[in-house]
C-alpha atoms as a PDB file:
ATOM      1  CA  MET A   1      -5.526  -4.715 -28.406  1.00  0.00           C
ATOM      2  CA  LYS A   2      -7.341  -7.545 -30.154  1.00  0.00           C
ATOM      3  CA  GLY A   3      -6.570 -10.883 -28.553  1.00  0.00           C
ATOM      4  CA  SER A   4      -7.335 -14.581 -28.647  1.00  0.00           C
ATOM      5  CA  PRO A   5     -10.592 -15.895 -27.115  1.00  0.00           C
ATOM      6  CA  LYS A   6      -8.637 -16.985 -24.037  1.00  0.00           C
ATOM      7  CA  ILE A   7      -7.202 -13.487 -23.491  1.00  0.00           C
ATOM      8  CA  VAL A   8     -10.604 -11.896 -24.076  1.00  0.00           C
ATOM      9  CA  ILE A   9     -12.235 -14.170 -21.490  1.00  0.00           C
ATOM     10  CA  LEU A  10      -9.451 -13.515 -18.965  1.00  0.00           C
ATOM     11  CA  MET A  11      -9.792  -9.731 -19.357  1.00  0.00           C
ATOM     12  CA  LEU A  12     -13.565  -9.919 -18.938  1.00  0.00           C
ATOM     13  CA  ILE A  13     -13.118 -12.042 -15.803  1.00  0.00           C
ATOM     14  CA  VAL A  14     -10.713  -9.436 -14.432  1.00  0.00           C
ATOM     15  CA  MET A  15     -13.227  -6.640 -15.064  1.00  0.00           C
ATOM     16  CA  ALA A  16     -16.041  -8.605 -13.419  1.00  0.00           C
ATOM     17  CA  THR A  17     -13.782  -9.461 -10.459  1.00  0.00           C
ATOM     18  CA  VAL A  18     -12.868  -5.819  -9.837  1.00  0.00           C
ATOM     19  CA  LEU A  19     -16.540  -4.806 -10.012  1.00  0.00           C
ATOM     20  CA  ILE A  20     -17.581  -7.481  -7.514  1.00  0.00           C
ATOM     21  CA  LEU A  21     -14.638  -7.025  -5.146  1.00  0.00           C
ATOM     22  CA  SER A  22     -14.957  -3.239  -5.052  1.00  0.00           C
ATOM     23  CA  ALA A  23     -18.678  -3.491  -4.298  1.00  0.00           C
ATOM     24  CA  LEU A  24     -17.910  -6.051  -1.585  1.00  0.00           C
ATOM     25  CA  PHE A  25     -15.357  -3.689  -0.043  1.00  0.00           C
ATOM     26  CA  ALA A  26     -17.936  -0.883  -0.153  1.00  0.00           C
ATOM     27  CA  VAL A  27     -20.716  -2.895   1.499  1.00  0.00           C
ATOM     28  CA  VAL A  28     -18.489  -4.444   4.176  1.00  0.00           C
ATOM     29  CA  LYS A  29     -16.858  -1.102   5.008  1.00  0.00           C
ATOM     30  CA  ALA A  30     -20.198   0.693   5.305  1.00  0.00           C
ATOM     31  CA  ASP A  31     -21.552  -2.013   7.628  1.00  0.00           C
ATOM     32  CA  PHE A  32     -18.312  -2.276   9.612  1.00  0.00           C
ATOM     33  CA  TYR A  33     -18.051   1.482  10.118  1.00  0.00           C
ATOM     34  CA  SER A  34     -21.690   1.741  11.171  1.00  0.00           C
ATOM     35  CA  ALA A  35     -21.070  -1.000  13.736  1.00  0.00           C
ATOM     36  CA  TYR A  36     -18.154   0.962  15.206  1.00  0.00           C
ATOM     37  CA  GLY A  37     -19.970   4.295  15.057  1.00  0.00           C
ATOM     38  CA  SER A  38     -18.607   7.765  14.382  1.00  0.00           C
ATOM     39  CA  ALA A  39     -15.156   6.928  15.767  1.00  0.00           C
ATOM     40  CA  VAL A  40     -14.151   5.461  12.408  1.00  0.00           C
ATOM     41  CA  SER A  41     -16.661   7.197  10.172  1.00  0.00           C
ATOM     42  CA  SER A  42     -15.560   7.727   6.559  1.00  0.00           C
ATOM     43  CA  SER A  43     -18.136  10.386   5.682  1.00  0.00           C
ATOM     44  CA  PRO A  44     -16.633  13.002   3.368  1.00  0.00           C
ATOM     45  CA  SER A  45     -16.044  16.354   5.040  1.00  0.00           C
ATOM     46  CA  ILE A  46     -16.206  18.400   1.839  1.00  0.00           C
ATOM     47  CA  PRO A  47     -18.786  18.483  -0.986  1.00  0.00           C
ATOM     48  CA  PRO A  48     -18.473  15.630  -3.532  1.00  0.00           C
ATOM     49  CA  TYR A  49     -18.000  18.049  -6.454  1.00  0.00           C
ATOM     50  CA  TYR A  50     -14.916  19.431  -4.721  1.00  0.00           C
ATOM     51  CA  GLU A  51     -13.702  15.859  -4.318  1.00  0.00           C
ATOM     52  CA  LEU A  52     -14.337  15.352  -8.037  1.00  0.00           C
ATOM     53  CA  ALA A  53     -12.198  18.380  -8.900  1.00  0.00           C
ATOM     54  CA  TYR A  54      -9.428  17.163  -6.600  1.00  0.00           C
ATOM     55  CA  ILE A  55      -9.448  13.669  -8.124  1.00  0.00           C
ATOM     56  CA  VAL A  56      -9.323  14.905 -11.736  1.00  0.00           C
ATOM     57  CA  SER A  57      -6.614  17.457 -10.882  1.00  0.00           C
ATOM     58  CA  GLY A  58      -4.653  14.799  -9.011  1.00  0.00           C
ATOM     59  CA  ILE A  59      -4.716  12.435 -11.993  1.00  0.00           C
ATOM     60  CA  ILE A  60      -3.411  15.136 -14.318  1.00  0.00           C
ATOM     61  CA  ILE A  61      -0.722  16.309 -11.883  1.00  0.00           C
ATOM     62  CA  ILE A  62       0.531  12.800 -11.065  1.00  0.00           C
ATOM     63  CA  THR A  63       0.679  11.906 -14.767  1.00  0.00           C
ATOM     64  CA  ALA A  64       2.633  15.096 -15.509  1.00  0.00           C
ATOM     65  CA  VAL A  65       5.075  14.448 -12.659  1.00  0.00           C
ATOM     66  CA  PHE A  66       5.618  10.850 -13.793  1.00  0.00           C
ATOM     67  CA  LEU A  67       6.306  12.000 -17.358  1.00  0.00           C
ATOM     68  CA  VAL A  68       8.923  14.448 -16.086  1.00  0.00           C
ATOM     69  CA  LEU A  69      10.534  11.742 -13.967  1.00  0.00           C
ATOM     70  CA  ILE A  70      10.591   9.395 -16.967  1.00  0.00           C
ATOM     71  CA  LYS A  71      12.180  12.093 -19.128  1.00  0.00           C
ATOM     72  CA  TYR A  72      14.999  12.495 -16.626  1.00  0.00           C
ATOM     73  CA  ARG A  73      15.271   8.739 -16.086  1.00  0.00           C
ATOM     74  CA  LEU A  74      14.202   8.834 -12.465  1.00  0.00           C
ATOM     75  CA  GLY A  75      12.271   5.595 -12.592  1.00  0.00           C
ATOM     76  CA  LYS A  76      13.218   4.692  -9.012  1.00  0.00           C
ATOM     77  CA  VAL A  77      11.364   7.769  -7.754  1.00  0.00           C
ATOM     78  CA  ILE A  78       8.229   6.592  -9.589  1.00  0.00           C
ATOM     79  CA  VAL A  79       8.583   3.174  -7.994  1.00  0.00           C
ATOM     80  CA  GLY A  80       8.997   4.754  -4.559  1.00  0.00           C
ATOM     81  CA  VAL A  81       5.960   7.025  -4.888  1.00  0.00           C
ATOM     82  CA  SER A  82       3.831   4.211  -6.315  1.00  0.00           C
ATOM     83  CA  ALA A  83       4.945   1.830  -3.556  1.00  0.00           C
ATOM     84  CA  LEU A  84       3.925   4.389  -0.927  1.00  0.00           C
ATOM     85  CA  ILE A  85       0.470   4.724  -2.500  1.00  0.00           C
ATOM     86  CA  TYR A  86       0.150   0.943  -2.686  1.00  0.00           C
ATOM     87  CA  PHE A  87       1.126   0.649   0.985  1.00  0.00           C
ATOM     88  CA  PHE A  88      -1.679   2.929   2.166  1.00  0.00           C
ATOM     89  CA  VAL A  89      -4.248   1.203  -0.038  1.00  0.00           C
ATOM     90  CA  LEU A  90      -3.112  -2.214   1.221  1.00  0.00           C
ATOM     91  CA  LEU A  91      -3.289  -0.843   4.761  1.00  0.00           C
ATOM     92  CA  LEU A  92      -6.917   0.086   4.142  1.00  0.00           C
ATOM     93  CA  ILE A  93      -7.608  -3.431   2.828  1.00  0.00           C
ATOM     94  CA  THR A  94      -5.984  -5.161   5.797  1.00  0.00           C
ATOM     95  CA  THR A  95      -7.634  -2.802   8.279  1.00  0.00           C
ATOM     96  CA  LEU A  96     -11.020  -3.540   6.771  1.00  0.00           C
ATOM     97  CA  THR A  97     -10.619  -7.304   6.383  1.00  0.00           C
ATOM     98  CA  LEU A  98      -8.821  -8.013   9.667  1.00  0.00           C
ATOM     99  CA  GLY A  99     -10.922  -5.512  11.592  1.00  0.00           C
ATOM    100  CA  ALA A 100     -14.200  -6.867  10.241  1.00  0.00           C
ATOM    101  CA  ALA A 101     -13.130 -10.494  10.739  1.00  0.00           C
ATOM    102  CA  SER A 102     -12.066  -9.761  14.314  1.00  0.00           C
ATOM    103  CA  PHE A 103     -15.272  -7.908  15.099  1.00  0.00           C
ATOM    104  CA  TYR A 104     -17.785 -10.276  13.507  1.00  0.00           C
ATOM    105  CA  LEU A 105     -16.076 -13.631  14.072  1.00  0.00           C
ATOM    106  CA  PHE A 106     -14.256 -13.128  17.395  1.00  0.00           C
ATOM    107  CA  HIS A 107     -16.051 -10.043  18.795  1.00  0.00           C
ATOM    108  CA  ILE A 108     -12.758  -8.179  19.226  1.00  0.00           C
ATOM    109  CA  ASN A 109     -13.001  -4.389  19.176  1.00  0.00           C
ATOM    110  CA  ILE A 110      -9.731  -3.110  17.692  1.00  0.00           C
ATOM    111  CA  LEU A 111     -10.297   0.314  19.266  1.00  0.00           C
ATOM    112  CA  LEU A 112     -10.035  -1.124  22.779  1.00  0.00           C
ATOM    113  CA  ALA A 113      -6.671  -1.741  24.410  1.00  0.00           C
ATOM    114  CA  SER A 114      -6.067  -5.487  24.654  1.00  0.00           C
ATOM    115  CA  THR A 115      -3.480  -8.065  23.673  1.00  0.00           C
ATOM    116  CA  SER A 116      -5.694  -9.240  20.827  1.00  0.00           C
ATOM    117  CA  SER A 117      -6.281  -5.745  19.445  1.00  0.00           C
ATOM    118  CA  TYR A 118      -2.540  -4.971  19.609  1.00  0.00           C
ATOM    119  CA  PHE A 119      -1.742  -8.158  17.706  1.00  0.00           C
ATOM    120  CA  ILE A 120      -4.361  -7.386  15.056  1.00  0.00           C
ATOM    121  CA  GLY A 121      -2.999  -3.846  14.788  1.00  0.00           C
ATOM    122  CA  PHE A 122       0.489  -5.268  14.223  1.00  0.00           C
ATOM    123  CA  LEU A 123      -0.820  -7.530  11.458  1.00  0.00           C
ATOM    124  CA  MET A 124      -2.599  -4.614   9.789  1.00  0.00           C
ATOM    125  CA  TYR A 125       0.783  -2.962   9.168  1.00  0.00           C
ATOM    126  CA  ALA A 126       2.900  -6.079   8.748  1.00  0.00           C
ATOM    127  CA  VAL A 127       0.780  -7.654   6.005  1.00  0.00           C
ATOM    128  CA  PRO A 128       1.011  -4.664   3.582  1.00  0.00           C
ATOM    129  CA  ILE A 129       4.796  -4.567   4.055  1.00  0.00           C
ATOM    130  CA  LEU A 130       5.117  -8.297   3.341  1.00  0.00           C
ATOM    131  CA  VAL A 131       2.832  -7.993   0.311  1.00  0.00           C
ATOM    132  CA  LEU A 132       4.942  -5.150  -1.095  1.00  0.00           C
ATOM    133  CA  ILE A 133       8.148  -7.139  -0.587  1.00  0.00           C
ATOM    134  CA  TYR A 134       6.563 -10.034  -2.455  1.00  0.00           C
ATOM    135  CA  TYR A 135       5.271  -7.676  -5.169  1.00  0.00           C
ATOM    136  CA  PHE A 136       8.669  -6.142  -5.889  1.00  0.00           C
ATOM    137  CA  ARG A 137      11.055  -9.008  -5.242  1.00  0.00           C
ATOM    138  CA  PHE A 138       9.306 -12.287  -5.962  1.00  0.00           C
ATOM    139  CA  ALA A 139       5.997 -11.875  -7.811  1.00  0.00           C
ATOM    140  CA  GLY A 140       5.798 -12.555 -11.522  1.00  0.00           C
ATOM    141  CA  ILE A 141       3.241 -11.072 -13.903  1.00  0.00           C
ATOM    142  CA  TYR A 142       0.342 -13.093 -12.552  1.00  0.00           C
ATOM    143  CA  GLY A 143       1.258 -12.539  -8.915  1.00  0.00           C
ATOM    144  CA  ARG A 144       1.307  -8.788  -9.535  1.00  0.00           C
ATOM    145  CA  ASN A 145      -1.983  -9.078 -11.436  1.00  0.00           C
ATOM    146  CA  ILE A 146      -3.695 -10.531  -8.365  1.00  0.00           C
ATOM    147  CA  ILE A 147      -2.367  -7.800  -6.076  1.00  0.00           C
ATOM    148  CA  ASN A 148      -3.248  -5.113  -8.612  1.00  0.00           C
ATOM    149  CA  ILE A 149      -6.825  -6.409  -8.775  1.00  0.00           C
ATOM    150  CA  LEU A 150      -7.112  -5.982  -4.996  1.00  0.00           C
ATOM    151  CA  ILE A 151      -5.555  -2.512  -5.181  1.00  0.00           C
ATOM    152  CA  PHE A 152      -7.818  -1.344  -8.020  1.00  0.00           C
ATOM    153  CA  SER A 153     -10.904  -2.677  -6.250  1.00  0.00           C
ATOM    154  CA  ALA A 154     -10.054  -0.785  -3.061  1.00  0.00           C
ATOM    155  CA  ILE A 155      -9.261   2.455  -4.914  1.00  0.00           C
ATOM    156  CA  ALA A 156     -12.583   2.261  -6.767  1.00  0.00           C
ATOM    157  CA  GLU A 157     -14.442   1.853  -3.471  1.00  0.00           C
ATOM    158  CA  ILE A 158     -12.613   4.815  -1.921  1.00  0.00           C
ATOM    159  CA  ILE A 159     -13.458   7.127  -4.829  1.00  0.00           C
ATOM    160  CA  ALA A 160     -17.091   5.953  -5.009  1.00  0.00           C
ATOM    161  CA  SER A 161     -17.638   6.559  -1.285  1.00  0.00           C
ATOM    162  CA  LEU A 162     -16.301  10.102  -1.674  1.00  0.00           C
ATOM    163  CA  LEU A 163     -18.253  11.087  -4.770  1.00  0.00           C
ATOM    164  CA  GLY A 164     -21.699   9.528  -4.937  1.00  0.00           C
ATOM    165  CA  VAL A 165     -23.705   8.809  -8.096  1.00  0.00           C
ATOM    166  CA  ILE A 166     -23.834  12.020 -10.165  1.00  0.00           C
ATOM    167  CA  PRO A 167     -20.189  13.087  -9.616  1.00  0.00           C
ATOM    168  CA  SER A 168     -19.122   9.507 -10.471  1.00  0.00           C
ATOM    169  CA  LEU A 169     -20.982   9.710 -13.787  1.00  0.00           C
ATOM    170  CA  ILE A 170     -19.354  13.073 -14.504  1.00  0.00           C
ATOM    171  CA  LEU A 171     -15.983  11.561 -13.610  1.00  0.00           C
ATOM    172  CA  ILE A 172     -16.160   8.731 -16.155  1.00  0.00           C
ATOM    173  CA  GLY A 173     -17.260  11.217 -18.818  1.00  0.00           C
ATOM    174  CA  VAL A 174     -14.248  13.430 -18.092  1.00  0.00           C
ATOM    175  CA  ILE A 175     -11.907  10.435 -17.937  1.00  0.00           C
ATOM    176  CA  ALA A 176     -13.237   9.101 -21.273  1.00  0.00           C
ATOM    177  CA  ILE A 177     -12.410  12.404 -22.994  1.00  0.00           C
ATOM    178  CA  TYR A 178      -9.058  12.660 -21.225  1.00  0.00           C
ATOM    179  CA  ASP A 179      -8.181   9.063 -22.152  1.00  0.00           C
ATOM    180  CA  TYR A 180      -8.947   9.693 -25.830  1.00  0.00           C
ATOM    181  CA  ILE A 181      -6.774  12.828 -25.875  1.00  0.00           C
ATOM    182  CA  ALA A 182      -3.971  11.152 -23.917  1.00  0.00           C
ATOM    183  CA  VAL A 183      -3.777   8.176 -26.313  1.00  0.00           C
ATOM    184  CA  PHE A 184      -4.616   9.613 -29.738  1.00  0.00           C
ATOM    185  CA  VAL A 185      -3.725  13.331 -29.506  1.00  0.00           C
ATOM    186  CA  THR A 186      -0.922  14.039 -27.042  1.00  0.00           C
ATOM    187  CA  LYS A 187      -0.033  10.315 -26.833  1.00  0.00           C
ATOM    188  CA  HIS A 188       1.560  10.885 -23.423  1.00  0.00           C
ATOM    189  CA  MET A 189      -0.309   7.928 -21.934  1.00  0.00           C
ATOM    190  CA  VAL A 190       1.279   5.641 -24.527  1.00  0.00           C
ATOM    191  CA  THR A 191       4.682   7.053 -23.595  1.00  0.00           C
ATOM    192  CA  LEU A 192       4.001   6.437 -19.915  1.00  0.00           C
ATOM    193  CA  ALA A 193       2.784   2.876 -20.508  1.00  0.00           C
ATOM    194  CA  LYS A 194       5.823   1.981 -22.633  1.00  0.00           C
ATOM    195  CA  ALA A 195       8.215   3.460 -20.080  1.00  0.00           C
ATOM    196  CA  LEU A 196       6.704   1.446 -17.226  1.00  0.00           C
ATOM    197  CA  ALA A 197       6.114  -1.744 -19.215  1.00  0.00           C
ATOM    198  CA  GLY A 198       7.954  -4.674 -17.714  1.00  0.00           C
ATOM    199  CA  SER A 199       8.801  -2.788 -14.518  1.00  0.00           C
ATOM    200  CA  PRO A 200       7.616  -4.146 -11.157  1.00  0.00           C
ATOM    201  CA  MET A 201       5.496  -1.036 -10.684  1.00  0.00           C
ATOM    202  CA  PHE A 202       3.403  -1.268 -13.846  1.00  0.00           C
ATOM    203  CA  SER A 203      -0.065  -0.261 -12.690  1.00  0.00           C
ATOM    204  CA  GLY A 204      -2.170  -2.490 -14.867  1.00  0.00           C
ATOM    205  CA  ILE A 205      -3.137  -6.033 -15.748  1.00  0.00           C
ATOM    206  CA  GLU A 206      -0.927  -7.972 -18.135  1.00  0.00           C
ATOM    207  CA  PHE A 207      -1.374 -11.240 -19.986  1.00  0.00           C
ATOM    208  CA  MET A 208       1.145 -12.888 -22.286  1.00  0.00           C
ATOM    209  CA  ALA A 209       0.018 -14.865 -25.326  1.00  0.00           C
ATOM    210  CA  LYS A 210       2.966 -17.169 -25.966  1.00  0.00           C
ATOM    211  CA  LYS A 211       1.743 -18.539 -29.292  1.00  0.00           C
ATOM    212  CA  GLU A 212       1.083 -15.066 -30.683  1.00  0.00           C
ATOM    213  CA  LYS A 213       4.159 -13.634 -28.915  1.00  0.00           C
ATOM    214  CA  MET A 214       2.061 -10.696 -27.789  1.00  0.00           C
ATOM    215  CA  ARG A 215       1.531  -8.803 -24.546  1.00  0.00           C
ATOM    216  CA  PHE A 216      -1.955  -7.623 -23.659  1.00  0.00           C
ATOM    217  CA  VAL A 217      -2.356  -4.784 -21.165  1.00  0.00           C
ATOM    218  CA  LEU A 218      -5.333  -3.180 -19.449  1.00  0.00           C
ATOM    219  CA  GLY A 219      -4.527  -0.056 -17.458  1.00  0.00           C
ATOM    220  CA  GLY A 220      -5.578   0.301 -13.848  1.00  0.00           C
ATOM    221  CA  GLY A 221      -7.801   3.281 -14.606  1.00  0.00           C
ATOM    222  CA  ASP A 222      -9.743   1.202 -17.135  1.00  0.00           C
ATOM    223  CA  LEU A 223     -10.779  -1.023 -14.239  1.00  0.00           C
ATOM    224  CA  VAL A 224     -11.033   1.518 -11.422  1.00  0.00           C
ATOM    225  CA  PHE A 225     -13.315   4.110 -13.035  1.00  0.00           C
ATOM    226  CA  PRO A 226     -16.002   1.701 -14.325  1.00  0.00           C
ATOM    227  CA  ALA A 227     -16.053   0.166 -10.835  1.00  0.00           C
ATOM    228  CA  VAL A 228     -16.488   3.625  -9.271  1.00  0.00           C
ATOM    229  CA  VAL A 229     -19.847   4.038 -11.031  1.00  0.00           C
ATOM    230  CA  PHE A 230     -20.869   0.479 -10.148  1.00  0.00           C
ATOM    231  CA  ASP A 231     -20.010   1.048  -6.473  1.00  0.00           C
ATOM    232  CA  ALA A 232     -21.689   4.456  -6.329  1.00  0.00           C
ATOM    233  CA  PHE A 233     -25.013   2.911  -7.316  1.00  0.00           C
ATOM    234  CA  MET A 234     -24.520  -0.041  -4.950  1.00  0.00           C
ATOM    235  CA  LEU A 235     -23.769   2.265  -2.007  1.00  0.00           C
ATOM    236  CA  ASN A 236     -26.998   4.143  -2.707  1.00  0.00           C
ATOM    237  CA  GLY A 237     -29.087   0.976  -2.834  1.00  0.00           C
ATOM    238  CA  MET A 238     -29.644   1.131  -6.607  1.00  0.00           C
ATOM    239  CA  ALA A 239     -28.813  -2.482  -7.478  1.00  0.00           C
ATOM    240  CA  LEU A 240     -30.510  -2.473 -10.879  1.00  0.00           C
ATOM    241  CA  ALA A 241     -28.620   0.627 -12.009  1.00  0.00           C
ATOM    242  CA  ALA A 242     -25.398  -0.920 -10.666  1.00  0.00           C
ATOM    243  CA  ALA A 243     -26.090  -4.042 -12.736  1.00  0.00           C
ATOM    244  CA  ALA A 244     -26.617  -1.888 -15.837  1.00  0.00           C
ATOM    245  CA  ALA A 245     -23.352  -0.018 -15.198  1.00  0.00           C
ATOM    246  CA  GLY A 246     -21.528  -3.317 -14.644  1.00  0.00           C
ATOM    247  CA  ALA A 247     -22.948  -4.855 -17.811  1.00  0.00           C
ATOM    248  CA  GLY A 248     -21.989  -1.731 -19.758  1.00  0.00           C
ATOM    249  CA  ALA A 249     -18.406  -1.951 -18.500  1.00  0.00           C
ATOM    250  CA  ILE A 250     -18.065  -5.611 -19.459  1.00  0.00           C
ATOM    251  CA  ILE A 251     -19.708  -5.174 -22.876  1.00  0.00           C
ATOM    252  CA  GLY A 252     -17.587  -2.091 -23.558  1.00  0.00           C
ATOM    253  CA  LEU A 253     -14.396  -4.005 -22.823  1.00  0.00           C
ATOM    254  CA  LEU A 254     -15.624  -6.914 -24.947  1.00  0.00           C
ATOM    255  CA  VAL A 255     -16.272  -4.593 -27.920  1.00  0.00           C
ATOM    256  CA  LEU A 256     -12.802  -3.120 -27.560  1.00  0.00           C
ATOM    257  CA  MET A 257     -11.143  -6.538 -27.350  1.00  0.00           C
ATOM    258  CA  LEU A 258     -13.021  -7.870 -30.388  1.00  0.00           C
ATOM    259  CA  LEU A 259     -12.778  -4.838 -32.686  1.00  0.00           C
ATOM    260  CA  GLY A 260      -9.382  -3.428 -31.733  1.00  0.00           C
ATOM    261  CA  LYS A 261      -6.362  -4.106 -33.898  1.00  0.00           C
ATOM    262  CA  LYS A 262      -3.411  -6.120 -32.679  1.00  0.00           C
ATOM    263  CA  ASN A 263      -0.361  -4.291 -31.270  1.00  0.00           C
ATOM    264  CA  LYS A 264      -2.255  -0.990 -31.122  1.00  0.00           C
ATOM    265  CA  ALA A 265      -2.988   1.115 -28.030  1.00  0.00           C
ATOM    266  CA  TYR A 266      -6.570   2.197 -27.438  1.00  0.00           C
ATOM    267  CA  PRO A 267      -8.204   4.520 -24.892  1.00  0.00           C
ATOM    268  CA  ALA A 268     -10.321   1.864 -23.199  1.00  0.00           C
ATOM    269  CA  MET A 269     -12.342   4.348 -21.123  1.00  0.00           C
ATOM    270  CA  ALA A 270     -13.406   6.118 -24.323  1.00  0.00           C
ATOM    271  CA  VAL A 271     -15.310   2.917 -25.159  1.00  0.00           C
ATOM    272  CA  ILE A 272     -16.230   1.614 -21.704  1.00  0.00           C
ATOM    273  CA  ALA A 273     -17.652   4.858 -20.268  1.00  0.00           C
ATOM    274  CA  PRO A 274     -20.072   5.550 -23.171  1.00  0.00           C
ATOM    275  CA  MET A 275     -21.219   1.933 -23.008  1.00  0.00           C
ATOM    276  CA  GLN A 276     -21.925   2.282 -19.286  1.00  0.00           C
ATOM    277  CA  LEU A 277     -23.890   5.493 -19.910  1.00  0.00           C
ATOM    278  CA  LEU A 278     -25.760   3.809 -22.768  1.00  0.00           C
ATOM    279  CA  PHE A 279     -26.842   0.889 -20.581  1.00  0.00           C
ATOM    280  CA  LEU A 280     -27.919   3.284 -17.827  1.00  0.00           C
ATOM    281  CA  GLY A 281     -29.854   5.312 -20.387  1.00  0.00           C
ATOM    282  CA  LEU A 282     -31.607   2.186 -21.657  1.00  0.00           C
ATOM    283  CA  LEU A 283     -32.535   1.364 -18.076  1.00  0.00           C
ATOM    284  CA  LEU A 284     -34.192   4.785 -17.690  1.00  0.00           C
ATOM    285  CA  ILE A 285     -36.091   4.335 -20.943  1.00  0.00           C
END
């Protein structure tokens, strides 16, 4: 994964951007929902440890299903399922951004029947559809990178709001172990990445180094899960701990980018998660 200084800097900027954007989504959503009251409350209805079990199980099941679909060359089904997931995440983003902008800037309550609220509601659904059309038909690598950054940021905020601090820490520990096994033992994550590489539905960040004729990839999970911990602390008003978790994520990625060998796949979370826990541990000390 080792890259040129330019690639390293770009990857670090991407990590920092996802951390900041996801925290921004979390703060704006919490304030926006509190302004609207219980009618749009996002409080979890089941214990966070149950949510944790569902999330981990879901990751394993989805990965297994995708591997089966790849084996039987049903790539279009993967694209369809992924596009559906992307649509709902984009819908959340547009609902939050358009709803908050309407409420705070123009004092329009989207829950009340009015011409303005109907128009905003139309945009909330139209924008995700247009973005997906652009993503699949017109966007190049960098266009998809930008959309993926928004998607990963929103997913991180969703998971963090469901779990809280302790379950989020447990989650990155589990994911770090799973990532190591998936890349170095079973190697099914490498198979999945190679099968989706170059497709319009590759769920990751890609950069091409033309001089080195190399392709550098950072999976979506390697951005989402570090941001989950960052957001969990931010949502609980623990800014210093969030800063430590964010610094750990960035330093962990930097270590991986500097020490990793070229043209070799690495389990990024197996490096990033321990670094986040280390920085949080140093903060406690």
